[in-house]
N, C-alpha and C. Protein backbone atom coordinates (compact mmCIF):
# COMPACT_ATOMS: atom_id res chain seq x y z
N UNK A 1 -19.08 -12.05 0.18
CA UNK A 1 -18.72 -12.04 -1.23
C UNK A 1 -18.22 -10.65 -1.62
N UNK A 2 -17.12 -10.61 -2.34
CA UNK A 2 -16.57 -9.32 -2.74
C UNK A 2 -17.09 -8.90 -4.10
N UNK A 3 -17.12 -7.59 -4.29
CA UNK A 3 -17.57 -7.00 -5.54
C UNK A 3 -16.37 -6.77 -6.45
N UNK A 4 -16.66 -6.50 -7.73
CA UNK A 4 -15.60 -6.12 -8.66
C UNK A 4 -15.02 -4.77 -8.25
N UNK A 5 -13.71 -4.64 -8.35
CA UNK A 5 -13.09 -3.37 -7.99
C UNK A 5 -13.25 -2.39 -9.15
N UNK A 6 -13.51 -1.14 -8.82
CA UNK A 6 -13.65 -0.12 -9.84
C UNK A 6 -12.32 0.04 -10.58
N UNK A 7 -12.32 0.00 -11.91
CA UNK A 7 -11.06 0.10 -12.67
C UNK A 7 -10.28 1.39 -12.39
N UNK A 8 -10.96 2.50 -12.16
CA UNK A 8 -10.26 3.76 -11.88
C UNK A 8 -9.55 3.69 -10.53
N UNK A 9 -10.19 3.06 -9.56
CA UNK A 9 -9.56 2.89 -8.24
C UNK A 9 -8.36 1.96 -8.37
N UNK A 10 -8.53 0.86 -9.11
CA UNK A 10 -7.43 -0.10 -9.31
C UNK A 10 -6.24 0.57 -9.99
N UNK A 11 -6.51 1.40 -11.01
CA UNK A 11 -5.43 2.13 -11.70
C UNK A 11 -4.71 3.08 -10.74
N UNK A 12 -5.47 3.74 -9.88
CA UNK A 12 -4.89 4.67 -8.91
C UNK A 12 -3.97 3.92 -7.95
N UNK A 13 -4.45 2.82 -7.42
CA UNK A 13 -3.65 2.01 -6.49
C UNK A 13 -2.39 1.51 -7.20
N UNK A 14 -2.57 0.95 -8.40
CA UNK A 14 -1.44 0.39 -9.14
C UNK A 14 -0.38 1.45 -9.41
N UNK A 15 -0.79 2.65 -9.82
CA UNK A 15 0.21 3.69 -10.11
C UNK A 15 0.99 4.06 -8.85
N UNK A 16 0.31 4.11 -7.72
CA UNK A 16 1.00 4.44 -6.46
C UNK A 16 1.98 3.34 -6.06
N UNK A 17 1.57 2.10 -6.22
CA UNK A 17 2.46 0.98 -5.88
C UNK A 17 3.66 0.95 -6.82
N UNK A 18 3.43 1.20 -8.11
CA UNK A 18 4.55 1.22 -9.06
C UNK A 18 5.53 2.32 -8.71
N UNK A 19 5.03 3.52 -8.40
CA UNK A 19 5.91 4.63 -8.02
C UNK A 19 6.75 4.27 -6.79
N UNK A 20 6.08 3.73 -5.77
CA UNK A 20 6.80 3.38 -4.54
C UNK A 20 7.77 2.23 -4.78
N UNK A 21 7.35 1.24 -5.58
CA UNK A 21 8.24 0.10 -5.83
C UNK A 21 9.48 0.55 -6.62
N UNK A 22 9.32 1.55 -7.49
CA UNK A 22 10.49 2.08 -8.20
C UNK A 22 11.43 2.78 -7.23
N UNK A 23 10.86 3.50 -6.26
CA UNK A 23 11.69 4.14 -5.24
C UNK A 23 12.46 3.11 -4.43
N UNK A 24 11.86 1.92 -4.25
CA UNK A 24 12.50 0.85 -3.49
C UNK A 24 13.26 -0.13 -4.38
N UNK A 25 13.28 0.13 -5.70
CA UNK A 25 13.96 -0.73 -6.69
C UNK A 25 13.40 -2.15 -6.71
N UNK A 26 12.07 -2.27 -6.68
CA UNK A 26 11.41 -3.58 -6.72
C UNK A 26 10.43 -3.62 -7.88
N UNK A 27 10.56 -4.57 -8.82
CA UNK A 27 9.55 -4.69 -9.87
C UNK A 27 8.22 -5.13 -9.25
N UNK A 28 7.10 -4.66 -9.80
CA UNK A 28 5.80 -4.90 -9.19
C UNK A 28 4.76 -5.27 -10.23
N UNK A 29 3.90 -6.25 -9.91
CA UNK A 29 2.82 -6.65 -10.80
C UNK A 29 1.56 -6.91 -9.99
N UNK A 30 0.41 -6.80 -10.65
CA UNK A 30 -0.86 -7.16 -10.01
C UNK A 30 -0.96 -8.68 -10.03
N UNK A 31 -1.53 -9.25 -8.97
CA UNK A 31 -1.74 -10.70 -8.94
C UNK A 31 -3.24 -10.94 -8.82
N UNK A 32 -3.68 -12.10 -9.28
CA UNK A 32 -5.10 -12.40 -9.26
C UNK A 32 -5.59 -12.60 -7.82
N UNK A 33 -6.89 -12.50 -7.64
CA UNK A 33 -7.45 -12.66 -6.30
C UNK A 33 -7.32 -14.08 -5.77
N UNK A 34 -7.02 -15.02 -6.63
CA UNK A 34 -6.84 -16.39 -6.16
C UNK A 34 -5.45 -16.61 -5.59
N UNK A 35 -4.51 -15.72 -5.90
CA UNK A 35 -3.14 -15.86 -5.45
C UNK A 35 -2.89 -15.03 -4.21
N UNK A 36 -1.93 -15.46 -3.41
CA UNK A 36 -1.49 -14.65 -2.29
C UNK A 36 -0.61 -13.53 -2.82
N UNK A 37 -0.73 -12.36 -2.21
CA UNK A 37 0.13 -11.25 -2.61
C UNK A 37 1.55 -11.46 -2.09
N UNK A 38 1.68 -12.32 -1.08
CA UNK A 38 3.00 -12.58 -0.50
C UNK A 38 3.01 -14.01 0.02
N UNK A 39 3.99 -14.77 -0.37
CA UNK A 39 4.15 -16.11 0.18
C UNK A 39 5.59 -16.32 0.56
N UNK A 40 5.78 -16.79 1.77
CA UNK A 40 7.13 -17.07 2.25
C UNK A 40 7.03 -17.98 3.46
N UNK A 41 7.96 -18.92 3.56
CA UNK A 41 7.99 -19.80 4.72
C UNK A 41 8.78 -19.17 5.86
N UNK A 42 9.54 -18.11 5.54
CA UNK A 42 10.27 -17.44 6.61
C UNK A 42 9.39 -16.40 7.29
N UNK A 43 9.84 -15.90 8.43
CA UNK A 43 9.05 -14.94 9.17
C UNK A 43 8.81 -13.68 8.34
N UNK A 44 7.58 -13.22 8.39
CA UNK A 44 7.20 -12.02 7.65
C UNK A 44 6.76 -10.93 8.62
N UNK A 45 6.79 -9.72 8.12
CA UNK A 45 6.33 -8.56 8.88
C UNK A 45 5.27 -7.88 8.02
N UNK A 46 4.19 -7.43 8.66
CA UNK A 46 3.12 -6.76 7.93
C UNK A 46 2.71 -5.49 8.67
N UNK A 47 2.23 -4.53 7.90
CA UNK A 47 1.63 -3.32 8.44
C UNK A 47 0.23 -3.23 7.86
N UNK A 48 -0.75 -3.04 8.72
CA UNK A 48 -2.13 -2.87 8.29
C UNK A 48 -2.53 -1.46 8.67
N UNK A 49 -3.04 -0.71 7.69
CA UNK A 49 -3.42 0.68 7.93
C UNK A 49 -4.80 0.92 7.32
N UNK A 50 -5.65 1.56 8.09
CA UNK A 50 -7.00 1.83 7.64
C UNK A 50 -7.14 3.23 7.08
N UNK A 51 -8.19 3.42 6.30
CA UNK A 51 -8.50 4.74 5.76
C UNK A 51 -10.01 4.88 5.68
N UNK A 52 -10.49 6.13 5.74
CA UNK A 52 -11.93 6.33 5.64
C UNK A 52 -12.24 7.75 5.18
N UNK A 53 -13.40 7.87 4.58
CA UNK A 53 -13.98 9.15 4.17
C UNK A 53 -15.47 8.89 4.05
N UNK A 54 -16.27 9.94 3.84
CA UNK A 54 -17.70 9.68 3.62
C UNK A 54 -17.95 8.84 2.35
N UNK A 55 -17.02 8.87 1.39
CA UNK A 55 -17.23 8.18 0.12
C UNK A 55 -16.69 6.74 0.11
N UNK A 56 -15.57 6.50 0.77
CA UNK A 56 -14.97 5.16 0.77
C UNK A 56 -14.31 4.89 2.12
N UNK A 57 -14.15 3.60 2.41
CA UNK A 57 -13.39 3.19 3.59
C UNK A 57 -12.74 1.86 3.26
N UNK A 58 -11.71 1.52 4.03
CA UNK A 58 -11.06 0.25 3.79
C UNK A 58 -9.75 0.15 4.54
N UNK A 59 -8.92 -0.78 4.08
CA UNK A 59 -7.61 -0.98 4.69
C UNK A 59 -6.60 -1.38 3.64
N UNK A 60 -5.35 -1.18 3.99
CA UNK A 60 -4.24 -1.56 3.13
C UNK A 60 -3.28 -2.39 4.00
N UNK A 61 -2.85 -3.51 3.48
CA UNK A 61 -1.89 -4.36 4.17
C UNK A 61 -0.63 -4.46 3.31
N UNK A 62 0.51 -4.16 3.91
CA UNK A 62 1.80 -4.32 3.27
C UNK A 62 2.52 -5.42 4.03
N UNK A 63 2.96 -6.47 3.33
CA UNK A 63 3.59 -7.61 3.98
C UNK A 63 4.86 -8.00 3.23
N UNK A 64 5.90 -8.33 3.98
CA UNK A 64 7.17 -8.65 3.35
C UNK A 64 8.02 -9.53 4.26
N UNK A 65 9.10 -10.03 3.69
CA UNK A 65 10.08 -10.74 4.49
C UNK A 65 10.97 -9.74 5.21
N UNK A 66 11.53 -10.18 6.33
CA UNK A 66 12.43 -9.31 7.08
C UNK A 66 13.64 -8.92 6.24
N UNK A 67 14.16 -9.88 5.48
CA UNK A 67 15.38 -9.62 4.70
C UNK A 67 15.16 -8.53 3.67
N UNK A 68 14.05 -8.57 2.95
CA UNK A 68 13.79 -7.53 1.96
C UNK A 68 13.66 -6.17 2.64
N UNK A 69 12.96 -6.12 3.75
CA UNK A 69 12.80 -4.86 4.47
C UNK A 69 14.13 -4.34 4.98
N UNK A 70 14.96 -5.25 5.46
CA UNK A 70 16.29 -4.85 5.95
C UNK A 70 17.14 -4.28 4.81
N UNK A 71 17.13 -4.97 3.66
CA UNK A 71 17.98 -4.57 2.54
C UNK A 71 17.49 -3.30 1.83
N UNK A 72 16.21 -2.95 2.00
CA UNK A 72 15.70 -1.72 1.38
C UNK A 72 15.63 -0.56 2.37
N UNK A 73 16.00 -0.81 3.61
CA UNK A 73 15.92 0.24 4.64
C UNK A 73 16.92 1.35 4.32
N UNK A 74 16.49 2.63 4.42
CA UNK A 74 17.38 3.75 4.10
C UNK A 74 18.64 3.81 4.97
N UNK A 75 18.58 3.31 6.20
CA UNK A 75 19.76 3.33 7.07
C UNK A 75 20.93 2.56 6.47
N UNK A 76 20.62 1.50 5.74
CA UNK A 76 21.67 0.65 5.18
C UNK A 76 22.58 1.42 4.24
N UNK A 77 22.00 2.32 3.43
CA UNK A 77 22.81 3.12 2.50
C UNK A 77 23.73 4.09 3.24
N UNK A 78 23.38 4.41 4.49
CA UNK A 78 24.20 5.34 5.28
C UNK A 78 25.14 4.61 6.22
N UNK A 79 25.16 3.28 6.14
CA UNK A 79 26.05 2.50 6.99
C UNK A 79 25.58 2.35 8.42
N UNK A 80 24.32 2.64 8.67
CA UNK A 80 23.75 2.53 10.02
C UNK A 80 23.11 1.15 10.15
N UNK A 81 23.38 0.45 11.26
CA UNK A 81 22.80 -0.89 11.43
C UNK A 81 21.27 -0.87 11.42
N UNK A 82 20.69 -1.95 10.91
CA UNK A 82 19.24 -2.08 10.83
C UNK A 82 18.83 -3.27 11.69
N UNK A 83 18.17 -2.99 12.80
CA UNK A 83 17.72 -4.04 13.72
C UNK A 83 16.23 -4.32 13.58
N UNK A 84 15.72 -5.14 14.50
CA UNK A 84 14.30 -5.53 14.47
C UNK A 84 13.36 -4.33 14.51
N UNK A 85 13.64 -3.37 15.42
CA UNK A 85 12.76 -2.21 15.56
C UNK A 85 12.74 -1.38 14.28
N UNK A 86 13.90 -1.22 13.65
CA UNK A 86 13.97 -0.45 12.40
C UNK A 86 13.20 -1.15 11.28
N UNK A 87 13.26 -2.47 11.25
CA UNK A 87 12.52 -3.23 10.24
C UNK A 87 11.01 -3.05 10.44
N UNK A 88 10.56 -3.13 11.68
CA UNK A 88 9.14 -2.94 11.97
C UNK A 88 8.70 -1.51 11.63
N UNK A 89 9.54 -0.54 12.00
CA UNK A 89 9.23 0.85 11.67
C UNK A 89 9.18 1.06 10.16
N UNK A 90 10.06 0.39 9.44
CA UNK A 90 10.16 0.56 7.99
C UNK A 90 8.91 0.05 7.27
N UNK A 91 8.39 -1.12 7.66
CA UNK A 91 7.19 -1.61 7.00
C UNK A 91 6.01 -0.68 7.31
N UNK A 92 5.98 -0.11 8.51
CA UNK A 92 4.95 0.87 8.83
C UNK A 92 5.10 2.13 8.00
N UNK A 93 6.35 2.56 7.81
CA UNK A 93 6.62 3.75 7.00
C UNK A 93 6.26 3.51 5.53
N UNK A 94 6.55 2.33 5.02
CA UNK A 94 6.18 1.99 3.64
C UNK A 94 4.66 2.07 3.48
N UNK A 95 3.92 1.52 4.45
CA UNK A 95 2.45 1.58 4.36
C UNK A 95 1.96 3.03 4.43
N UNK A 96 2.57 3.84 5.28
CA UNK A 96 2.22 5.27 5.37
C UNK A 96 2.49 5.98 4.05
N UNK A 97 3.67 5.75 3.47
CA UNK A 97 4.01 6.40 2.21
C UNK A 97 3.06 5.98 1.10
N UNK A 98 2.76 4.70 1.05
CA UNK A 98 1.88 4.20 -0.01
C UNK A 98 0.47 4.77 0.14
N UNK A 99 -0.09 4.70 1.34
CA UNK A 99 -1.44 5.23 1.52
C UNK A 99 -1.45 6.75 1.34
N UNK A 100 -0.38 7.43 1.70
CA UNK A 100 -0.29 8.87 1.47
C UNK A 100 -0.35 9.20 -0.01
N UNK A 101 0.32 8.42 -0.84
CA UNK A 101 0.26 8.61 -2.29
C UNK A 101 -1.16 8.38 -2.81
N UNK A 102 -1.79 7.32 -2.30
CA UNK A 102 -3.17 7.02 -2.70
C UNK A 102 -4.08 8.17 -2.28
N UNK A 103 -3.92 8.65 -1.05
CA UNK A 103 -4.73 9.76 -0.54
C UNK A 103 -4.62 10.97 -1.47
N UNK A 104 -3.41 11.31 -1.88
CA UNK A 104 -3.21 12.44 -2.79
C UNK A 104 -3.93 12.23 -4.11
N UNK A 105 -3.85 11.03 -4.66
CA UNK A 105 -4.46 10.78 -5.97
C UNK A 105 -5.98 10.65 -5.90
N UNK A 106 -6.51 10.31 -4.74
CA UNK A 106 -7.96 10.22 -4.61
C UNK A 106 -8.63 11.59 -4.60
N UNK A 107 -7.84 12.64 -4.38
CA UNK A 107 -8.40 14.00 -4.41
C UNK A 107 -9.05 14.31 -5.76
N UNK A 108 -8.50 13.76 -6.84
CA UNK A 108 -9.08 14.03 -8.16
C UNK A 108 -10.47 13.43 -8.32
N UNK A 109 -10.83 12.47 -7.44
CA UNK A 109 -12.17 11.88 -7.45
C UNK A 109 -13.09 12.59 -6.45
N UNK A 110 -12.58 13.65 -5.84
CA UNK A 110 -13.39 14.42 -4.91
C UNK A 110 -13.51 13.81 -3.53
N UNK A 111 -12.59 12.93 -3.18
CA UNK A 111 -12.63 12.32 -1.85
C UNK A 111 -11.30 12.54 -1.13
N UNK A 112 -11.40 12.91 0.11
CA UNK A 112 -10.22 13.11 0.95
C UNK A 112 -10.31 12.12 2.10
N UNK A 113 -9.42 11.15 2.12
CA UNK A 113 -9.48 10.11 3.14
C UNK A 113 -8.63 10.48 4.35
N UNK A 114 -9.07 10.01 5.49
CA UNK A 114 -8.28 10.10 6.73
C UNK A 114 -7.55 8.78 6.87
N UNK A 115 -6.34 8.87 7.40
CA UNK A 115 -5.51 7.67 7.55
C UNK A 115 -5.37 7.32 9.03
N UNK A 116 -5.38 6.03 9.31
CA UNK A 116 -5.15 5.54 10.67
C UNK A 116 -3.65 5.33 10.87
N UNK A 117 -3.28 4.96 12.06
CA UNK A 117 -1.90 4.60 12.37
C UNK A 117 -1.71 3.13 12.02
N UNK A 118 -0.60 2.77 11.36
CA UNK A 118 -0.42 1.36 11.00
C UNK A 118 -0.20 0.48 12.23
N UNK A 119 -0.73 -0.72 12.15
CA UNK A 119 -0.47 -1.76 13.15
C UNK A 119 0.50 -2.75 12.53
N UNK A 120 1.47 -3.19 13.30
CA UNK A 120 2.51 -4.09 12.80
C UNK A 120 2.24 -5.50 13.31
N UNK A 121 2.36 -6.48 12.40
CA UNK A 121 2.19 -7.89 12.73
C UNK A 121 3.45 -8.63 12.28
N UNK A 122 3.80 -9.69 12.99
CA UNK A 122 4.94 -10.51 12.59
C UNK A 122 4.61 -11.98 12.83
N UNK A 123 5.14 -12.84 11.97
CA UNK A 123 4.92 -14.26 12.14
C UNK A 123 5.19 -15.02 10.85
N UNK A 124 4.95 -16.30 10.89
CA UNK A 124 5.10 -17.12 9.70
C UNK A 124 3.70 -17.41 9.15
N UNK A 125 3.61 -17.60 7.87
CA UNK A 125 2.35 -17.91 7.18
C UNK A 125 1.27 -16.85 7.41
N UNK A 126 1.66 -15.58 7.43
CA UNK A 126 0.68 -14.51 7.55
C UNK A 126 -0.14 -14.45 6.27
N UNK A 127 -1.45 -14.31 6.41
CA UNK A 127 -2.33 -14.22 5.24
C UNK A 127 -3.55 -13.39 5.61
N UNK A 128 -4.00 -12.57 4.68
CA UNK A 128 -5.21 -11.79 4.93
C UNK A 128 -6.41 -12.58 4.44
N UNK A 129 -7.50 -12.45 5.13
CA UNK A 129 -8.74 -13.14 4.76
C UNK A 129 -9.57 -12.26 3.83
N UNK A 130 -10.38 -12.90 3.02
CA UNK A 130 -11.23 -12.16 2.08
C UNK A 130 -12.23 -11.31 2.86
N UNK A 131 -12.46 -10.08 2.39
CA UNK A 131 -13.42 -9.22 3.08
C UNK A 131 -14.85 -9.73 2.87
N UNK A 132 -15.73 -9.41 3.83
CA UNK A 132 -17.13 -9.82 3.72
C UNK A 132 -17.90 -8.93 2.75
N UNK A 133 -17.41 -7.71 2.57
CA UNK A 133 -18.06 -6.78 1.64
C UNK A 133 -17.00 -5.94 0.95
N UNK A 134 -17.40 -5.26 -0.11
CA UNK A 134 -16.47 -4.40 -0.81
C UNK A 134 -15.63 -5.15 -1.83
N UNK A 135 -14.48 -4.57 -2.13
CA UNK A 135 -13.59 -5.11 -3.17
C UNK A 135 -12.18 -5.27 -2.62
N UNK A 136 -11.41 -6.09 -3.30
CA UNK A 136 -10.02 -6.33 -2.92
C UNK A 136 -9.17 -6.36 -4.17
N UNK A 137 -7.97 -5.78 -4.05
CA UNK A 137 -6.98 -5.86 -5.12
C UNK A 137 -5.65 -6.22 -4.48
N UNK A 138 -4.87 -7.05 -5.16
CA UNK A 138 -3.60 -7.55 -4.63
C UNK A 138 -2.47 -7.26 -5.60
N UNK A 139 -1.32 -6.94 -5.04
CA UNK A 139 -0.12 -6.68 -5.83
C UNK A 139 1.06 -7.38 -5.20
N UNK A 140 2.05 -7.66 -6.02
CA UNK A 140 3.27 -8.29 -5.52
C UNK A 140 4.47 -7.63 -6.17
N UNK A 141 5.38 -7.15 -5.35
CA UNK A 141 6.64 -6.57 -5.82
C UNK A 141 7.72 -7.53 -5.37
N UNK A 142 8.57 -7.95 -6.28
CA UNK A 142 9.54 -8.97 -5.90
C UNK A 142 10.94 -8.70 -6.37
N UNK A 143 11.85 -9.37 -5.73
CA UNK A 143 13.26 -9.33 -6.10
C UNK A 143 13.90 -10.61 -5.59
N UNK A 144 15.21 -10.73 -5.77
CA UNK A 144 15.93 -11.89 -5.25
C UNK A 144 15.88 -11.95 -3.73
N UNK A 145 15.61 -10.82 -3.09
CA UNK A 145 15.57 -10.75 -1.63
C UNK A 145 14.24 -11.22 -1.06
N UNK A 146 13.23 -11.35 -1.90
CA UNK A 146 11.91 -11.73 -1.43
C UNK A 146 10.84 -10.86 -2.06
N UNK A 147 9.64 -10.93 -1.50
CA UNK A 147 8.54 -10.16 -2.08
C UNK A 147 7.94 -9.21 -1.07
N UNK A 148 7.33 -8.18 -1.62
CA UNK A 148 6.57 -7.22 -0.84
C UNK A 148 5.17 -7.27 -1.42
N UNK A 149 4.22 -7.71 -0.62
CA UNK A 149 2.85 -7.82 -1.09
C UNK A 149 2.02 -6.66 -0.57
N UNK A 150 1.04 -6.27 -1.36
CA UNK A 150 0.11 -5.20 -0.98
C UNK A 150 -1.30 -5.70 -1.26
N UNK A 151 -2.15 -5.63 -0.24
CA UNK A 151 -3.55 -6.00 -0.37
C UNK A 151 -4.37 -4.79 0.03
N UNK A 152 -5.26 -4.34 -0.86
CA UNK A 152 -6.09 -3.17 -0.59
C UNK A 152 -7.55 -3.60 -0.63
N UNK A 153 -8.24 -3.33 0.47
CA UNK A 153 -9.68 -3.56 0.55
C UNK A 153 -10.38 -2.20 0.53
N UNK A 154 -11.48 -2.11 -0.21
CA UNK A 154 -12.22 -0.85 -0.30
C UNK A 154 -13.72 -1.14 -0.28
N UNK A 155 -14.42 -0.31 0.48
CA UNK A 155 -15.88 -0.36 0.52
C UNK A 155 -16.38 1.03 0.16
N UNK A 156 -16.88 1.20 -1.05
CA UNK A 156 -17.43 2.52 -1.42
C UNK A 156 -18.81 2.72 -0.80
N UNK A 157 -19.14 3.97 -0.51
CA UNK A 157 -20.49 4.30 -0.03
C UNK A 157 -21.49 3.97 -1.14
N UNK A 158 -22.71 3.62 -0.78
CA UNK A 158 -23.71 3.33 -1.82
C UNK A 158 -23.85 4.50 -2.80
N UNK A 159 -23.75 4.19 -4.08
CA UNK A 159 -23.89 5.20 -5.12
C UNK A 159 -22.62 5.94 -5.48
N UNK A 160 -21.53 5.77 -4.69
CA UNK A 160 -20.30 6.48 -5.01
C UNK A 160 -19.65 5.86 -6.24
N UNK A 161 -19.23 6.72 -7.16
CA UNK A 161 -18.51 6.30 -8.36
C UNK A 161 -17.19 7.05 -8.41
N UNK A 162 -16.17 6.37 -8.88
CA UNK A 162 -14.86 7.00 -9.05
C UNK A 162 -14.87 7.79 -10.35
N UNK A 163 -15.42 9.00 -10.27
CA UNK A 163 -15.49 9.91 -11.41
C UNK A 163 -14.55 11.07 -11.14
N UNK A 164 -13.70 11.36 -12.11
CA UNK A 164 -12.72 12.44 -11.93
C UNK A 164 -13.44 13.77 -11.90
N UNK A 165 -13.26 14.51 -10.79
CA UNK A 165 -13.87 15.83 -10.66
C UNK A 165 -12.82 16.94 -10.74
N UNK A 166 -11.54 16.57 -10.60
CA UNK A 166 -10.45 17.55 -10.69
C UNK A 166 -9.26 16.87 -11.36
N UNK A 167 -9.18 16.99 -12.68
CA UNK A 167 -8.10 16.31 -13.41
C UNK A 167 -6.74 16.96 -13.20
N UNK A 168 -6.72 18.22 -12.73
CA UNK A 168 -5.43 18.89 -12.53
C UNK A 168 -4.74 18.39 -11.28
N UNK A 169 -5.54 17.93 -10.30
CA UNK A 169 -4.98 17.50 -9.02
C UNK A 169 -4.02 18.55 -8.49
N UNK A 170 -4.40 19.82 -8.65
CA UNK A 170 -3.53 20.95 -8.35
C UNK A 170 -3.21 21.09 -6.88
N UNK A 171 -3.96 20.43 -6.01
CA UNK A 171 -3.73 20.55 -4.58
C UNK A 171 -2.49 19.78 -4.14
N UNK A 172 -1.92 18.96 -5.02
CA UNK A 172 -0.81 18.12 -4.60
C UNK A 172 0.39 18.32 -5.49
N UNK A 173 1.54 18.01 -4.96
CA UNK A 173 2.79 17.96 -5.71
C UNK A 173 3.18 16.50 -5.83
N UNK A 174 4.10 16.21 -6.73
CA UNK A 174 4.62 14.85 -6.84
C UNK A 174 5.28 14.48 -5.51
N UNK A 175 5.03 13.26 -5.08
CA UNK A 175 5.62 12.80 -3.82
C UNK A 175 7.13 12.97 -3.87
N UNK A 176 7.68 13.51 -2.80
CA UNK A 176 9.12 13.76 -2.72
C UNK A 176 9.52 15.12 -3.22
N UNK A 177 8.58 15.88 -3.83
CA UNK A 177 8.90 17.20 -4.34
C UNK A 177 9.00 18.19 -3.19
N UNK A 178 9.80 19.22 -3.37
CA UNK A 178 9.96 20.26 -2.36
C UNK A 178 8.97 21.37 -2.61
N UNK A 179 8.40 21.87 -1.54
CA UNK A 179 7.52 23.03 -1.61
C UNK A 179 8.16 24.10 -0.75
N UNK A 180 8.55 25.22 -1.36
CA UNK A 180 9.21 26.29 -0.63
C UNK A 180 8.20 27.34 -0.20
N UNK A 181 8.35 27.83 1.04
CA UNK A 181 7.46 28.86 1.57
C UNK A 181 8.12 30.19 1.50
């Protein structure tokens, strides 16, 4: 049985997904736990990436159709062909970018998470199962090309609360910003 997700954690995840979906030009909304974050009868590609710290642990799954991943791939804007390997690399990169944004924003709660390497899955009717413990939040970003679903599972350590300890978040810059040495 899953627990209610902490609203501050949910807001953090949602803001990161919105930022990334804007970078990819995909509108994004939260979906209820009864709905799938991604549904498609065509072959889908997913990246599952884990994270952990003494305060929280969990995983993030990014799942999409091949066509959406192909059409949002940066190579396409440069006229470079996008094949199967590039599509698989791209969904892994999207999961890395998204979890990296989350990692940066979690610093304000006093937690620094370590990130795993994403694992890539492909197939039809891919679906994540409900976690046995912790909380889950689902999001769906969609366009005419298909949808990009995000499922985040989190298990907080006993007694951990998402309380802001550093509102300045001064240790980080906005994603994509340049830092000159």
